C-alpha atoms as a PDB file:
ATOM      1  CA  UNK A   1     -63.037  -9.028 -50.333  1.00  0.00           C
ATOM      2  CA  UNK A   2     -66.115 -11.248 -50.239  1.00  0.00           C
ATOM      3  CA  UNK A   3     -66.151 -11.576 -54.020  1.00  0.00           C
ATOM      4  CA  UNK A   4     -62.538 -12.778 -53.877  1.00  0.00           C
ATOM      5  CA  UNK A   5     -63.320 -15.195 -50.997  1.00  0.00           C
ATOM      6  CA  UNK A   6     -61.005 -13.407 -48.581  1.00  0.00           C
ATOM      7  CA  UNK A   7     -61.573 -12.463 -44.988  1.00  0.00           C
ATOM      8  CA  UNK A   8     -59.870  -9.891 -42.785  1.00  0.00           C
ATOM      9  CA  UNK A   9     -58.984 -11.127 -39.292  1.00  0.00           C
ATOM     10  CA  UNK A  10     -57.638  -8.075 -37.488  1.00  0.00           C
ATOM     11  CA  UNK A  11     -60.512  -6.170 -35.916  1.00  0.00           C
ATOM     12  CA  UNK A  12     -58.910  -3.946 -33.291  1.00  0.00           C
ATOM     13  CA  UNK A  13     -56.735  -0.824 -33.618  1.00  0.00           C
ATOM     14  CA  UNK A  14     -53.041  -1.588 -34.096  1.00  0.00           C
ATOM     15  CA  UNK A  15     -51.817   1.992 -33.694  1.00  0.00           C
ATOM     16  CA  UNK A  16     -53.008   3.848 -30.641  1.00  0.00           C
ATOM     17  CA  UNK A  17     -51.987   7.355 -29.638  1.00  0.00           C
ATOM     18  CA  UNK A  18     -53.350   9.812 -27.098  1.00  0.00           C
ATOM     19  CA  UNK A  19     -55.632  11.281 -29.768  1.00  0.00           C
ATOM     20  CA  UNK A  20     -56.470   8.386 -32.080  1.00  0.00           C
ATOM     21  CA  UNK A  21     -56.803   4.636 -32.501  1.00  0.00           C
ATOM     22  CA  UNK A  22     -56.536   3.217 -36.017  1.00  0.00           C
ATOM     23  CA  UNK A  23     -56.427  -0.219 -37.584  1.00  0.00           C
ATOM     24  CA  UNK A  24     -53.344  -0.069 -39.822  1.00  0.00           C
ATOM     25  CA  UNK A  25     -52.255  -3.709 -40.058  1.00  0.00           C
ATOM     26  CA  UNK A  26     -54.418  -6.358 -41.605  1.00  0.00           C
ATOM     27  CA  UNK A  27     -54.284 -10.121 -41.682  1.00  0.00           C
ATOM     28  CA  UNK A  28     -56.170 -11.190 -44.797  1.00  0.00           C
ATOM     29  CA  UNK A  29     -56.578 -14.868 -45.638  1.00  0.00           C
ATOM     30  CA  UNK A  30     -58.486 -16.984 -48.093  1.00  0.00           C
ATOM     31  CA  UNK A  31     -61.838 -18.241 -46.781  1.00  0.00           C
ATOM     32  CA  UNK A  32     -61.473 -21.641 -45.148  1.00  0.00           C
ATOM     33  CA  UNK A  33     -57.914 -21.016 -43.959  1.00  0.00           C
ATOM     34  CA  UNK A  34     -57.283 -22.174 -40.414  1.00  0.00           C
ATOM     35  CA  UNK A  35     -55.235 -19.457 -38.769  1.00  0.00           C
ATOM     36  CA  UNK A  36     -54.588 -18.087 -35.314  1.00  0.00           C
ATOM     37  CA  UNK A  37     -53.986 -14.364 -35.121  1.00  0.00           C
ATOM     38  CA  UNK A  38     -53.764 -11.637 -32.568  1.00  0.00           C
ATOM     39  CA  UNK A  39     -52.203  -8.426 -31.397  1.00  0.00           C
ATOM     40  CA  UNK A  40     -49.146  -8.230 -29.144  1.00  0.00           C
ATOM     41  CA  UNK A  41     -49.199  -4.932 -27.290  1.00  0.00           C
ATOM     42  CA  UNK A  42     -45.858  -3.449 -26.293  1.00  0.00           C
ATOM     43  CA  UNK A  43     -44.423  -0.158 -25.130  1.00  0.00           C
ATOM     44  CA  UNK A  44     -41.625   0.216 -27.687  1.00  0.00           C
ATOM     45  CA  UNK A  45     -43.784   2.333 -29.994  1.00  0.00           C
ATOM     46  CA  UNK A  46     -47.403   3.334 -30.589  1.00  0.00           C
ATOM     47  CA  UNK A  47     -47.733   0.504 -33.097  1.00  0.00           C
ATOM     48  CA  UNK A  48     -48.610  -2.981 -31.806  1.00  0.00           C
ATOM     49  CA  UNK A  49     -47.296  -6.220 -33.302  1.00  0.00           C
ATOM     50  CA  UNK A  50     -49.758  -8.217 -35.391  1.00  0.00           C
ATOM     51  CA  UNK A  51     -49.092 -11.942 -35.697  1.00  0.00           C
ATOM     52  CA  UNK A  52     -50.655 -14.926 -37.364  1.00  0.00           C
ATOM     53  CA  UNK A  53     -49.848 -18.591 -37.093  1.00  0.00           C
ATOM     54  CA  UNK A  54     -50.488 -20.844 -40.092  1.00  0.00           C
ATOM     55  CA  UNK A  55     -49.846 -24.506 -40.716  1.00  0.00           C
ATOM     56  CA  UNK A  56     -47.419 -24.742 -43.661  1.00  0.00           C
ATOM     57  CA  UNK A  57     -46.447 -27.850 -45.596  1.00  0.00           C
ATOM     58  CA  UNK A  58     -42.710 -27.221 -45.997  1.00  0.00           C
ATOM     59  CA  UNK A  59     -42.287 -30.094 -48.438  1.00  0.00           C
ATOM     60  CA  UNK A  60     -44.652 -28.497 -50.940  1.00  0.00           C
ATOM     61  CA  UNK A  61     -43.571 -24.892 -50.412  1.00  0.00           C
ATOM     62  CA  UNK A  62     -40.883 -23.136 -52.409  1.00  0.00           C
ATOM     63  CA  UNK A  63     -38.839 -20.282 -51.014  1.00  0.00           C
ATOM     64  CA  UNK A  64     -37.352 -17.591 -53.204  1.00  0.00           C
ATOM     65  CA  UNK A  65     -34.848 -16.235 -50.663  1.00  0.00           C
ATOM     66  CA  UNK A  66     -32.455 -17.648 -48.141  1.00  0.00           C
ATOM     67  CA  UNK A  67     -32.551 -15.883 -44.788  1.00  0.00           C
ATOM     68  CA  UNK A  68     -30.186 -15.950 -41.834  1.00  0.00           C
ATOM     69  CA  UNK A  69     -31.657 -18.886 -39.908  1.00  0.00           C
ATOM     70  CA  UNK A  70     -30.262 -17.779 -36.525  1.00  0.00           C
ATOM     71  CA  UNK A  71     -31.858 -14.330 -36.760  1.00  0.00           C
ATOM     72  CA  UNK A  72     -35.152 -15.861 -37.848  1.00  0.00           C
ATOM     73  CA  UNK A  73     -35.074 -18.260 -34.891  1.00  0.00           C
ATOM     74  CA  UNK A  74     -34.327 -15.381 -32.494  1.00  0.00           C
ATOM     75  CA  UNK A  75     -37.235 -13.348 -33.841  1.00  0.00           C
ATOM     76  CA  UNK A  76     -39.602 -16.332 -33.811  1.00  0.00           C
ATOM     77  CA  UNK A  77     -38.608 -17.125 -30.228  1.00  0.00           C
ATOM     78  CA  UNK A  78     -39.167 -13.518 -29.139  1.00  0.00           C
ATOM     79  CA  UNK A  79     -42.550 -13.289 -30.862  1.00  0.00           C
ATOM     80  CA  UNK A  80     -43.600 -16.725 -29.589  1.00  0.00           C
ATOM     81  CA  UNK A  81     -42.893 -15.682 -26.021  1.00  0.00           C
ATOM     82  CA  UNK A  82     -44.841 -12.450 -26.529  1.00  0.00           C
ATOM     83  CA  UNK A  83     -47.704 -14.353 -28.194  1.00  0.00           C
ATOM     84  CA  UNK A  84     -47.855 -16.849 -25.328  1.00  0.00           C
ATOM     85  CA  UNK A  85     -48.166 -14.041 -22.799  1.00  0.00           C
ATOM     86  CA  UNK A  86     -50.814 -12.421 -25.010  1.00  0.00           C
ATOM     87  CA  UNK A  87     -52.703 -15.739 -25.197  1.00  0.00           C
ATOM     88  CA  UNK A  88     -52.579 -16.031 -21.420  1.00  0.00           C
ATOM     89  CA  UNK A  89     -54.572 -12.813 -21.118  1.00  0.00           C
ATOM     90  CA  UNK A  90     -57.126 -13.951 -23.731  1.00  0.00           C
ATOM     91  CA  UNK A  91     -56.284 -11.457 -26.476  1.00  0.00           C
ATOM     92  CA  UNK A  92     -55.620 -14.037 -29.213  1.00  0.00           C
ATOM     93  CA  UNK A  93     -58.211 -15.539 -31.550  1.00  0.00           C
ATOM     94  CA  UNK A  94     -58.536 -18.751 -33.497  1.00  0.00           C
ATOM     95  CA  UNK A  95     -60.126 -18.216 -36.881  1.00  0.00           C
ATOM     96  CA  UNK A  96     -61.638 -20.404 -39.542  1.00  0.00           C
ATOM     97  CA  UNK A  97     -63.098 -18.085 -42.180  1.00  0.00           C
END
């Protein structure tokens, strides 16, 4: 990844069971990208939620699909609330590769 100027931000296991702990989900960004990322633990499954927050210039970004805006807003709201509680316990990280 170094030769391609990429860096991997996730550094803790994202799937934890009684017998193992493995890093399955990666957040990989181009060096120099300002990004906040972290893990949101939950008890729905043995697989934690990985999130990253990027600044996006919507005026210079093209989208190839149209998604149901209401469902996206519901999911973003849910994940934002989970991320805020995760940030409160210090498990999030700000990165600048």
